[in-house]
Amino acid sequence: MFKCSETYCSNCQTRDLGLCHMISDHTRRQLALSGHIQSCAANRVIWDEGSDPNFTAILVSGYLRLQRYGIDGRRQILCLFTPGDFVGGPKSWGAGYSVEASVNAQLCRLDSRTFEDMMETDGELRRTVYLLRSAKLDQLRWLTCLLGALAAEERLCAFLAMATKFMPSQPMPDGGVILTVD
């Protein structure tokens, strides 16, 4: 884990995505002062179902999955976090869910106390976090409908179509798309 800096943030690949894209330069600089870059290996649990998810971060690279395990032991993936997504924060998703790295990932982990203080005083940050959480809830609603209405093959096709928005894809001359899945 290494300390963030304004220089790191100005060269960050997610500067134009998600939370960092939606806040002012001043707010971004303040967050950078409390940030640390943390690497997470694939399949590493970032927070577990039984623990208090006191965690605030911005996903820099890779993918994270919000998941829970059913009584029968099967894992249900509720959503994917993609680069630029805000993960955790005060009054997070709550106990009963876990977050795990789907592939090798890097997080800009923010000091929770500093972030909470900024949420109290910075209306722009508070509004942005609200908008991002609302968008994530809309994704969860869509996924709920998808899981209930489609057969397994149809769900896979729908996921692959959706993945072209956040995974590397290349349009083909015939109208098809080549999707690169990590």
N, C-alpha and C. Protein backbone atom coordinates (compact mmCIF):
# COMPACT_ATOMS: atom_id res chain seq x y z
N MET A 1 0.85 -1.17 0.00
CA MET A 1 0.00 0.00 0.00
C MET A 1 0.90 1.23 0.00
N PHE A 2 0.60 2.19 -0.90
CA PHE A 2 1.38 3.42 -0.88
C PHE A 2 0.45 4.63 -0.88
N LYS A 3 0.97 5.72 -0.37
CA LYS A 3 0.21 6.96 -0.18
C LYS A 3 -0.10 7.60 -1.53
N CYS A 4 -1.32 8.10 -1.67
CA CYS A 4 -1.71 8.86 -2.86
C CYS A 4 -1.08 10.23 -2.80
N SER A 5 -1.05 10.88 -3.93
CA SER A 5 -0.59 12.26 -3.99
C SER A 5 -1.36 12.95 -5.09
N GLU A 6 -1.25 14.25 -5.13
CA GLU A 6 -1.92 15.01 -6.18
C GLU A 6 -1.38 14.61 -7.55
N THR A 7 -0.07 14.32 -7.62
CA THR A 7 0.54 13.89 -8.88
C THR A 7 -0.04 12.56 -9.32
N TYR A 8 -0.18 11.61 -8.39
CA TYR A 8 -0.76 10.32 -8.73
C TYR A 8 -2.18 10.50 -9.26
N CYS A 9 -2.96 11.32 -8.56
CA CYS A 9 -4.35 11.54 -8.98
C CYS A 9 -4.44 12.19 -10.34
N SER A 10 -3.54 13.12 -10.65
CA SER A 10 -3.62 13.80 -11.95
C SER A 10 -3.31 12.85 -13.10
N ASN A 11 -2.61 11.76 -12.82
CA ASN A 11 -2.29 10.76 -13.86
C ASN A 11 -3.13 9.50 -13.75
N CYS A 12 -4.07 9.46 -12.82
CA CYS A 12 -4.87 8.27 -12.56
C CYS A 12 -5.79 7.98 -13.74
N GLN A 13 -5.90 6.71 -14.10
CA GLN A 13 -6.74 6.30 -15.22
C GLN A 13 -8.23 6.45 -14.94
N THR A 14 -8.62 6.59 -13.67
CA THR A 14 -10.04 6.74 -13.35
C THR A 14 -10.43 8.18 -13.04
N ARG A 15 -9.54 9.10 -13.29
CA ARG A 15 -9.81 10.52 -13.01
C ARG A 15 -11.06 11.00 -13.76
N ASP A 16 -11.31 10.44 -14.93
CA ASP A 16 -12.45 10.86 -15.74
C ASP A 16 -13.62 9.90 -15.63
N LEU A 17 -13.67 9.12 -14.54
CA LEU A 17 -14.75 8.17 -14.32
C LEU A 17 -15.36 8.37 -12.94
N GLY A 18 -16.61 8.03 -12.79
CA GLY A 18 -17.26 7.94 -11.49
C GLY A 18 -17.09 9.13 -10.59
N LEU A 19 -16.81 8.85 -9.32
CA LEU A 19 -16.72 9.88 -8.28
C LEU A 19 -15.70 10.95 -8.63
N CYS A 20 -14.52 10.54 -9.04
CA CYS A 20 -13.45 11.51 -9.32
C CYS A 20 -13.82 12.45 -10.46
N HIS A 21 -14.57 11.98 -11.42
CA HIS A 21 -14.99 12.80 -12.54
C HIS A 21 -16.07 13.81 -12.14
N MET A 22 -16.86 13.46 -11.14
CA MET A 22 -18.04 14.25 -10.78
C MET A 22 -17.78 15.31 -9.71
N ILE A 23 -16.61 15.29 -9.08
CA ILE A 23 -16.33 16.26 -8.02
C ILE A 23 -15.34 17.31 -8.50
N SER A 24 -15.26 18.39 -7.76
CA SER A 24 -14.36 19.49 -8.14
C SER A 24 -12.90 19.10 -7.89
N ASP A 25 -12.00 19.84 -8.52
CA ASP A 25 -10.57 19.60 -8.31
C ASP A 25 -10.19 19.77 -6.85
N HIS A 26 -10.78 20.77 -6.19
CA HIS A 26 -10.49 21.02 -4.77
C HIS A 26 -10.85 19.80 -3.92
N THR A 27 -12.06 19.25 -4.13
CA THR A 27 -12.51 18.08 -3.36
C THR A 27 -11.64 16.88 -3.68
N ARG A 28 -11.29 16.72 -4.95
CA ARG A 28 -10.44 15.60 -5.36
C ARG A 28 -9.07 15.68 -4.68
N ARG A 29 -8.51 16.90 -4.59
CA ARG A 29 -7.21 17.08 -3.92
C ARG A 29 -7.31 16.70 -2.45
N GLN A 30 -8.40 17.12 -1.79
CA GLN A 30 -8.58 16.79 -0.37
C GLN A 30 -8.68 15.28 -0.17
N LEU A 31 -9.42 14.60 -1.04
CA LEU A 31 -9.52 13.14 -0.94
C LEU A 31 -8.16 12.48 -1.18
N ALA A 32 -7.42 13.01 -2.14
CA ALA A 32 -6.11 12.43 -2.46
C ALA A 32 -5.16 12.45 -1.26
N LEU A 33 -5.27 13.49 -0.45
CA LEU A 33 -4.40 13.59 0.71
C LEU A 33 -4.66 12.48 1.72
N SER A 34 -5.87 11.91 1.73
CA SER A 34 -6.18 10.84 2.68
C SER A 34 -6.17 9.47 2.04
N GLY A 35 -5.81 9.39 0.75
CA GLY A 35 -5.88 8.11 0.03
C GLY A 35 -4.60 7.31 0.06
N HIS A 36 -4.79 6.01 -0.02
CA HIS A 36 -3.69 5.05 -0.17
C HIS A 36 -4.07 4.08 -1.27
N ILE A 37 -3.12 3.74 -2.13
CA ILE A 37 -3.39 2.75 -3.16
C ILE A 37 -3.14 1.36 -2.57
N GLN A 38 -4.14 0.52 -2.69
CA GLN A 38 -4.08 -0.83 -2.14
C GLN A 38 -4.31 -1.83 -3.27
N SER A 39 -3.42 -2.81 -3.39
CA SER A 39 -3.60 -3.87 -4.37
C SER A 39 -4.32 -5.04 -3.74
N CYS A 40 -5.22 -5.65 -4.50
CA CYS A 40 -5.99 -6.80 -4.03
C CYS A 40 -5.87 -7.92 -5.05
N ALA A 41 -5.44 -9.08 -4.60
CA ALA A 41 -5.33 -10.23 -5.49
C ALA A 41 -6.72 -10.75 -5.85
N ALA A 42 -6.82 -11.40 -6.99
CA ALA A 42 -8.08 -12.00 -7.41
C ALA A 42 -8.60 -12.92 -6.31
N ASN A 43 -9.91 -12.89 -6.09
CA ASN A 43 -10.63 -13.71 -5.11
C ASN A 43 -10.34 -13.34 -3.66
N ARG A 44 -9.65 -12.23 -3.42
CA ARG A 44 -9.41 -11.77 -2.04
C ARG A 44 -10.66 -11.08 -1.52
N VAL A 45 -11.08 -11.44 -0.33
CA VAL A 45 -12.23 -10.82 0.31
C VAL A 45 -11.79 -9.48 0.89
N ILE A 46 -12.49 -8.43 0.53
CA ILE A 46 -12.17 -7.09 1.01
C ILE A 46 -12.94 -6.81 2.29
N TRP A 47 -14.21 -7.16 2.30
CA TRP A 47 -14.92 -7.23 3.57
C TRP A 47 -15.85 -8.41 3.52
N ASP A 48 -16.00 -9.04 4.68
CA ASP A 48 -16.72 -10.30 4.80
C ASP A 48 -18.14 -10.05 5.30
N GLU A 49 -19.01 -11.01 5.04
CA GLU A 49 -20.42 -10.91 5.43
C GLU A 49 -20.61 -10.62 6.92
N GLY A 50 -19.78 -11.21 7.75
CA GLY A 50 -19.96 -11.08 9.19
C GLY A 50 -19.35 -9.84 9.80
N SER A 51 -18.61 -9.07 9.02
CA SER A 51 -17.91 -7.92 9.60
C SER A 51 -18.63 -6.61 9.27
N ASP A 52 -18.27 -5.58 10.02
CA ASP A 52 -18.81 -4.25 9.80
C ASP A 52 -18.05 -3.63 8.63
N PRO A 53 -18.74 -3.30 7.54
CA PRO A 53 -18.04 -2.81 6.35
C PRO A 53 -17.62 -1.35 6.46
N ASN A 54 -16.73 -1.05 7.38
CA ASN A 54 -16.21 0.30 7.54
C ASN A 54 -15.09 0.48 6.52
N PHE A 55 -15.47 0.85 5.32
CA PHE A 55 -14.57 0.83 4.18
C PHE A 55 -14.98 1.91 3.20
N THR A 56 -14.04 2.68 2.72
CA THR A 56 -14.32 3.72 1.73
C THR A 56 -13.21 3.68 0.70
N ALA A 57 -13.58 3.51 -0.58
CA ALA A 57 -12.56 3.42 -1.62
C ALA A 57 -13.15 3.77 -2.98
N ILE A 58 -12.24 4.04 -3.91
CA ILE A 58 -12.58 4.19 -5.32
C ILE A 58 -11.81 3.11 -6.05
N LEU A 59 -12.51 2.34 -6.87
CA LEU A 59 -11.85 1.27 -7.62
C LEU A 59 -11.06 1.88 -8.76
N VAL A 60 -9.74 1.63 -8.77
CA VAL A 60 -8.85 2.18 -9.78
C VAL A 60 -8.76 1.23 -10.97
N SER A 61 -8.59 -0.06 -10.71
CA SER A 61 -8.51 -1.03 -11.81
C SER A 61 -9.04 -2.37 -11.32
N GLY A 62 -9.43 -3.21 -12.28
CA GLY A 62 -9.98 -4.52 -11.95
C GLY A 62 -11.48 -4.44 -11.72
N TYR A 63 -12.01 -5.50 -11.13
CA TYR A 63 -13.44 -5.58 -10.86
C TYR A 63 -13.65 -6.19 -9.48
N LEU A 64 -14.65 -5.69 -8.77
CA LEU A 64 -15.03 -6.24 -7.47
C LEU A 64 -16.46 -6.75 -7.60
N ARG A 65 -16.80 -7.75 -6.81
CA ARG A 65 -18.19 -8.23 -6.81
C ARG A 65 -18.78 -8.10 -5.41
N LEU A 66 -19.99 -7.56 -5.37
CA LEU A 66 -20.79 -7.52 -4.14
C LEU A 66 -21.59 -8.81 -4.15
N GLN A 67 -21.48 -9.58 -3.10
CA GLN A 67 -22.09 -10.91 -3.11
C GLN A 67 -22.58 -11.31 -1.73
N ARG A 68 -23.39 -12.35 -1.74
CA ARG A 68 -23.79 -12.97 -0.48
C ARG A 68 -23.97 -14.45 -0.76
N TYR A 69 -23.91 -15.22 0.30
CA TYR A 69 -24.08 -16.67 0.18
C TYR A 69 -25.43 -17.06 0.75
N GLY A 70 -26.13 -17.90 0.01
CA GLY A 70 -27.43 -18.38 0.46
C GLY A 70 -27.28 -19.50 1.48
N ILE A 71 -28.39 -19.92 2.04
CA ILE A 71 -28.40 -21.00 3.03
C ILE A 71 -27.81 -22.27 2.45
N ASP A 72 -28.05 -22.48 1.15
CA ASP A 72 -27.55 -23.69 0.49
C ASP A 72 -26.07 -23.59 0.11
N GLY A 73 -25.42 -22.45 0.42
CA GLY A 73 -24.00 -22.29 0.16
C GLY A 73 -23.67 -21.71 -1.21
N ARG A 74 -24.68 -21.47 -2.04
CA ARG A 74 -24.42 -20.90 -3.36
C ARG A 74 -24.17 -19.41 -3.25
N ARG A 75 -23.22 -18.94 -4.05
CA ARG A 75 -22.89 -17.52 -4.07
C ARG A 75 -23.81 -16.81 -5.04
N GLN A 76 -24.36 -15.69 -4.58
CA GLN A 76 -25.17 -14.85 -5.45
C GLN A 76 -24.44 -13.52 -5.61
N ILE A 77 -24.05 -13.21 -6.84
CA ILE A 77 -23.37 -11.95 -7.12
C ILE A 77 -24.44 -10.91 -7.38
N LEU A 78 -24.44 -9.87 -6.55
CA LEU A 78 -25.47 -8.84 -6.64
C LEU A 78 -25.11 -7.72 -7.60
N CYS A 79 -23.83 -7.39 -7.68
CA CYS A 79 -23.40 -6.39 -8.66
C CYS A 79 -21.89 -6.44 -8.81
N LEU A 80 -21.43 -5.85 -9.88
CA LEU A 80 -19.99 -5.69 -10.12
C LEU A 80 -19.63 -4.23 -9.96
N PHE A 81 -18.50 -3.99 -9.32
CA PHE A 81 -17.94 -2.64 -9.26
C PHE A 81 -16.88 -2.58 -10.35
N THR A 82 -16.91 -1.51 -11.13
CA THR A 82 -15.98 -1.33 -12.23
C THR A 82 -15.09 -0.12 -11.94
N PRO A 83 -13.98 0.05 -12.67
CA PRO A 83 -13.09 1.17 -12.40
C PRO A 83 -13.84 2.51 -12.37
N GLY A 84 -13.52 3.29 -11.34
CA GLY A 84 -14.17 4.58 -11.12
C GLY A 84 -15.30 4.51 -10.12
N ASP A 85 -15.79 3.30 -9.82
CA ASP A 85 -16.90 3.16 -8.88
C ASP A 85 -16.46 3.46 -7.45
N PHE A 86 -17.38 4.06 -6.72
CA PHE A 86 -17.22 4.33 -5.30
C PHE A 86 -17.69 3.09 -4.55
N VAL A 87 -16.87 2.59 -3.65
CA VAL A 87 -17.18 1.37 -2.91
C VAL A 87 -17.20 1.67 -1.43
N GLY A 88 -18.27 1.26 -0.76
CA GLY A 88 -18.35 1.42 0.69
C GLY A 88 -18.79 2.80 1.08
N GLY A 89 -18.15 3.32 2.11
CA GLY A 89 -18.50 4.64 2.61
C GLY A 89 -19.32 4.54 3.88
N PRO A 90 -19.63 5.69 4.47
CA PRO A 90 -20.44 5.67 5.68
C PRO A 90 -21.82 5.09 5.37
N LYS A 91 -22.34 4.37 6.33
CA LYS A 91 -23.63 3.69 6.16
C LYS A 91 -23.61 2.87 4.88
N SER A 92 -22.66 1.99 4.81
CA SER A 92 -22.39 1.22 3.60
C SER A 92 -23.51 0.22 3.31
N TRP A 93 -23.24 -0.74 2.46
CA TRP A 93 -24.23 -1.73 2.06
C TRP A 93 -24.73 -2.52 3.26
N GLY A 94 -23.90 -2.62 4.27
CA GLY A 94 -24.32 -3.28 5.50
C GLY A 94 -23.82 -4.69 5.62
N ALA A 95 -23.96 -5.20 6.82
CA ALA A 95 -23.55 -6.57 7.09
C ALA A 95 -24.46 -7.51 6.30
N GLY A 96 -24.00 -8.72 6.08
CA GLY A 96 -24.77 -9.68 5.32
C GLY A 96 -24.29 -9.80 3.88
N TYR A 97 -23.43 -8.90 3.46
CA TYR A 97 -22.86 -8.95 2.12
C TYR A 97 -21.35 -8.94 2.24
N SER A 98 -20.69 -9.43 1.21
CA SER A 98 -19.24 -9.33 1.18
C SER A 98 -18.83 -8.72 -0.16
N VAL A 99 -17.64 -8.17 -0.17
CA VAL A 99 -17.05 -7.64 -1.40
C VAL A 99 -15.75 -8.38 -1.61
N GLU A 100 -15.56 -8.86 -2.84
CA GLU A 100 -14.40 -9.69 -3.18
C GLU A 100 -13.86 -9.22 -4.53
N ALA A 101 -12.55 -9.27 -4.70
CA ALA A 101 -11.94 -8.94 -5.98
C ALA A 101 -12.21 -10.07 -6.97
N SER A 102 -12.78 -9.74 -8.12
CA SER A 102 -13.03 -10.74 -9.16
C SER A 102 -11.75 -11.08 -9.89
N VAL A 103 -10.93 -10.08 -10.12
CA VAL A 103 -9.61 -10.21 -10.74
C VAL A 103 -8.66 -9.35 -9.92
N ASN A 104 -7.37 -9.35 -10.24
CA ASN A 104 -6.46 -8.46 -9.53
C ASN A 104 -6.99 -7.03 -9.66
N ALA A 105 -7.00 -6.32 -8.56
CA ALA A 105 -7.60 -4.98 -8.54
C ALA A 105 -6.74 -4.02 -7.73
N GLN A 106 -6.92 -2.75 -8.01
CA GLN A 106 -6.29 -1.69 -7.23
C GLN A 106 -7.37 -0.74 -6.75
N LEU A 107 -7.28 -0.37 -5.48
CA LEU A 107 -8.23 0.54 -4.86
C LEU A 107 -7.51 1.78 -4.36
N CYS A 108 -8.17 2.91 -4.47
CA CYS A 108 -7.71 4.11 -3.78
C CYS A 108 -8.52 4.13 -2.49
N ARG A 109 -7.93 3.62 -1.44
CA ARG A 109 -8.63 3.50 -0.16
C ARG A 109 -8.51 4.81 0.59
N LEU A 110 -9.66 5.37 0.94
CA LEU A 110 -9.71 6.67 1.60
C LEU A 110 -9.85 6.50 3.10
N ASP A 111 -9.26 7.42 3.84
CA ASP A 111 -9.40 7.41 5.28
C ASP A 111 -10.87 7.65 5.62
N SER A 112 -11.50 6.69 6.30
CA SER A 112 -12.94 6.76 6.56
C SER A 112 -13.32 7.99 7.38
N ARG A 113 -12.54 8.32 8.38
CA ARG A 113 -12.87 9.48 9.23
C ARG A 113 -12.82 10.77 8.41
N THR A 114 -11.77 10.93 7.61
CA THR A 114 -11.65 12.12 6.76
C THR A 114 -12.81 12.19 5.79
N PHE A 115 -13.17 11.05 5.20
CA PHE A 115 -14.27 11.02 4.24
C PHE A 115 -15.59 11.41 4.91
N GLU A 116 -15.83 10.86 6.10
CA GLU A 116 -17.07 11.20 6.83
C GLU A 116 -17.12 12.69 7.16
N ASP A 117 -15.99 13.26 7.58
CA ASP A 117 -15.94 14.69 7.87
C ASP A 117 -16.23 15.52 6.62
N MET A 118 -15.67 15.09 5.48
CA MET A 118 -15.91 15.80 4.23
C MET A 118 -17.37 15.69 3.81
N MET A 119 -17.98 14.54 4.05
CA MET A 119 -19.40 14.35 3.71
C MET A 119 -20.27 15.32 4.53
N GLU A 120 -19.85 15.59 5.76
CA GLU A 120 -20.60 16.51 6.63
C GLU A 120 -20.54 17.95 6.11
N THR A 121 -19.39 18.34 5.57
CA THR A 121 -19.18 19.74 5.23
C THR A 121 -19.26 20.06 3.74
N ASP A 122 -19.13 19.07 2.88
CA ASP A 122 -19.07 19.30 1.43
C ASP A 122 -20.35 18.79 0.75
N GLY A 123 -21.25 19.72 0.44
CA GLY A 123 -22.53 19.35 -0.18
C GLY A 123 -22.35 18.70 -1.55
N GLU A 124 -21.35 19.14 -2.29
CA GLU A 124 -21.09 18.56 -3.61
C GLU A 124 -20.73 17.08 -3.48
N LEU A 125 -19.85 16.75 -2.54
CA LEU A 125 -19.46 15.36 -2.33
C LEU A 125 -20.65 14.53 -1.87
N ARG A 126 -21.42 15.06 -0.96
CA ARG A 126 -22.60 14.36 -0.45
C ARG A 126 -23.59 14.05 -1.59
N ARG A 127 -23.84 15.05 -2.44
CA ARG A 127 -24.75 14.89 -3.56
C ARG A 127 -24.21 13.85 -4.56
N THR A 128 -22.91 13.90 -4.83
CA THR A 128 -22.30 12.98 -5.78
C THR A 128 -22.38 11.55 -5.28
N VAL A 129 -22.10 11.33 -4.01
CA VAL A 129 -22.20 9.98 -3.43
C VAL A 129 -23.65 9.50 -3.51
N TYR A 130 -24.58 10.37 -3.24
CA TYR A 130 -26.00 10.01 -3.34
C TYR A 130 -26.35 9.59 -4.77
N LEU A 131 -25.91 10.37 -5.76
CA LEU A 131 -26.21 10.05 -7.16
C LEU A 131 -25.58 8.72 -7.58
N LEU A 132 -24.35 8.48 -7.14
CA LEU A 132 -23.68 7.23 -7.49
C LEU A 132 -24.36 6.02 -6.84
N ARG A 133 -24.78 6.18 -5.59
CA ARG A 133 -25.50 5.08 -4.92
C ARG A 133 -26.86 4.84 -5.56
N SER A 134 -27.53 5.89 -5.97
CA SER A 134 -28.82 5.74 -6.65
C SER A 134 -28.64 4.98 -7.97
N ALA A 135 -27.59 5.33 -8.71
CA ALA A 135 -27.32 4.63 -9.97
C ALA A 135 -27.02 3.15 -9.71
N LYS A 136 -26.27 2.85 -8.65
CA LYS A 136 -25.95 1.46 -8.33
C LYS A 136 -27.22 0.71 -7.93
N LEU A 137 -28.12 1.36 -7.20
CA LEU A 137 -29.40 0.74 -6.85
C LEU A 137 -30.24 0.46 -8.09
N ASP A 138 -30.21 1.37 -9.06
CA ASP A 138 -30.91 1.12 -10.32
C ASP A 138 -30.34 -0.11 -11.03
N GLN A 139 -29.01 -0.25 -10.99
CA GLN A 139 -28.38 -1.45 -11.57
C GLN A 139 -28.85 -2.70 -10.84
N LEU A 140 -28.95 -2.63 -9.51
CA LEU A 140 -29.40 -3.79 -8.74
C LEU A 140 -30.86 -4.14 -9.07
N ARG A 141 -31.70 -3.13 -9.26
CA ARG A 141 -33.09 -3.39 -9.65
C ARG A 141 -33.14 -4.07 -11.01
N TRP A 142 -32.34 -3.57 -11.94
CA TRP A 142 -32.28 -4.16 -13.28
C TRP A 142 -31.84 -5.62 -13.19
N LEU A 143 -30.81 -5.88 -12.39
CA LEU A 143 -30.32 -7.24 -12.24
C LEU A 143 -31.37 -8.14 -11.61
N THR A 144 -32.12 -7.64 -10.65
CA THR A 144 -33.18 -8.42 -10.02
C THR A 144 -34.22 -8.83 -11.07
N CYS A 145 -34.63 -7.89 -11.90
CA CYS A 145 -35.58 -8.21 -12.97
C CYS A 145 -34.99 -9.21 -13.95
N LEU A 146 -33.74 -9.01 -14.27
CA LEU A 146 -33.04 -9.90 -15.20
C LEU A 146 -33.00 -11.32 -14.68
N LEU A 147 -32.64 -11.47 -13.40
CA LEU A 147 -32.54 -12.82 -12.82
C LEU A 147 -33.90 -13.52 -12.77
N GLY A 148 -34.95 -12.74 -12.52
CA GLY A 148 -36.28 -13.33 -12.39
C GLY A 148 -36.95 -13.63 -13.71
N ALA A 149 -36.63 -12.89 -14.75
CA ALA A 149 -37.37 -12.99 -16.00
C ALA A 149 -36.70 -13.82 -17.09
N LEU A 150 -35.41 -14.03 -16.99
CA LEU A 150 -34.69 -14.68 -18.08
C LEU A 150 -34.18 -16.07 -17.70
N ALA A 151 -34.05 -16.90 -18.71
CA ALA A 151 -33.43 -18.22 -18.54
C ALA A 151 -31.92 -18.04 -18.45
N ALA A 152 -31.20 -19.09 -18.08
CA ALA A 152 -29.75 -19.00 -17.86
C ALA A 152 -29.01 -18.49 -19.09
N GLU A 153 -29.29 -19.02 -20.28
CA GLU A 153 -28.61 -18.56 -21.49
C GLU A 153 -28.93 -17.10 -21.79
N GLU A 154 -30.17 -16.70 -21.56
CA GLU A 154 -30.57 -15.32 -21.79
C GLU A 154 -29.88 -14.37 -20.81
N ARG A 155 -29.70 -14.80 -19.56
CA ARG A 155 -28.99 -13.97 -18.56
C ARG A 155 -27.54 -13.78 -18.99
N LEU A 156 -26.91 -14.85 -19.49
CA LEU A 156 -25.52 -14.76 -19.95
C LEU A 156 -25.41 -13.78 -21.12
N CYS A 157 -26.32 -13.89 -22.08
CA CYS A 157 -26.31 -12.97 -23.23
C CYS A 157 -26.52 -11.52 -22.78
N ALA A 158 -27.43 -11.31 -21.85
CA ALA A 158 -27.69 -9.96 -21.34
C ALA A 158 -26.47 -9.41 -20.61
N PHE A 159 -25.79 -10.26 -19.82
CA PHE A 159 -24.59 -9.81 -19.13
C PHE A 159 -23.50 -9.43 -20.13
N LEU A 160 -23.29 -10.25 -21.14
CA LEU A 160 -22.25 -9.95 -22.13
C LEU A 160 -22.56 -8.65 -22.89
N ALA A 161 -23.83 -8.43 -23.19
CA ALA A 161 -24.20 -7.17 -23.86
C ALA A 161 -23.92 -5.99 -22.93
N MET A 162 -24.26 -6.13 -21.64
CA MET A 162 -24.02 -5.07 -20.67
C MET A 162 -22.51 -4.85 -20.46
N ALA A 163 -21.74 -5.93 -20.52
CA ALA A 163 -20.30 -5.84 -20.26
C ALA A 163 -19.56 -5.02 -21.31
N THR A 164 -20.15 -4.84 -22.48
CA THR A 164 -19.49 -4.02 -23.50
C THR A 164 -19.37 -2.56 -23.06
N LYS A 165 -20.11 -2.18 -22.03
CA LYS A 165 -20.04 -0.81 -21.51
C LYS A 165 -18.84 -0.59 -20.60
N PHE A 166 -18.32 -1.66 -19.97
CA PHE A 166 -17.24 -1.46 -19.01
C PHE A 166 -16.04 -2.38 -19.21
N MET A 167 -16.12 -3.32 -20.12
CA MET A 167 -14.97 -4.17 -20.44
C MET A 167 -14.49 -3.81 -21.85
N PRO A 168 -13.22 -4.08 -22.13
CA PRO A 168 -12.71 -3.74 -23.47
C PRO A 168 -13.50 -4.47 -24.56
N SER A 169 -13.97 -3.69 -25.54
CA SER A 169 -14.70 -4.29 -26.66
C SER A 169 -14.31 -3.59 -27.95
N GLN A 170 -14.46 -4.32 -29.04
CA GLN A 170 -14.04 -3.81 -30.34
C GLN A 170 -15.15 -4.10 -31.36
N PRO A 171 -15.71 -3.05 -31.98
CA PRO A 171 -16.74 -3.28 -32.98
C PRO A 171 -16.16 -3.93 -34.23
N MET A 172 -16.95 -4.78 -34.85
CA MET A 172 -16.55 -5.47 -36.07
C MET A 172 -17.28 -4.85 -37.26
N PRO A 173 -16.72 -4.97 -38.47
CA PRO A 173 -17.36 -4.37 -39.65
C PRO A 173 -18.78 -4.91 -39.92
N ASP A 174 -19.04 -6.15 -39.52
CA ASP A 174 -20.35 -6.75 -39.78
C ASP A 174 -21.40 -6.36 -38.73
N GLY A 175 -21.04 -5.50 -37.77
CA GLY A 175 -21.97 -5.08 -36.74
C GLY A 175 -21.82 -5.84 -35.43
N GLY A 176 -21.03 -6.90 -35.43
CA GLY A 176 -20.77 -7.66 -34.21
C GLY A 176 -19.76 -6.94 -33.32
N VAL A 177 -19.49 -7.52 -32.18
CA VAL A 177 -18.56 -6.94 -31.22
C VAL A 177 -17.68 -8.04 -30.66
N ILE A 178 -16.39 -7.77 -30.52
CA ILE A 178 -15.49 -8.68 -29.82
C ILE A 178 -15.31 -8.11 -28.42
N LEU A 179 -15.67 -8.89 -27.42
CA LEU A 179 -15.58 -8.49 -26.02
C LEU A 179 -14.42 -9.24 -25.37
N THR A 180 -13.55 -8.50 -24.70
CA THR A 180 -12.44 -9.10 -23.97
C THR A 180 -12.84 -9.18 -22.51
N VAL A 181 -12.95 -10.39 -21.97
CA VAL A 181 -13.38 -10.59 -20.59
C VAL A 181 -12.17 -10.96 -19.75
N ASP A 182 -11.92 -10.18 -18.69
CA ASP A 182 -10.82 -10.48 -17.77
C ASP A 182 -11.13 -11.71 -16.97
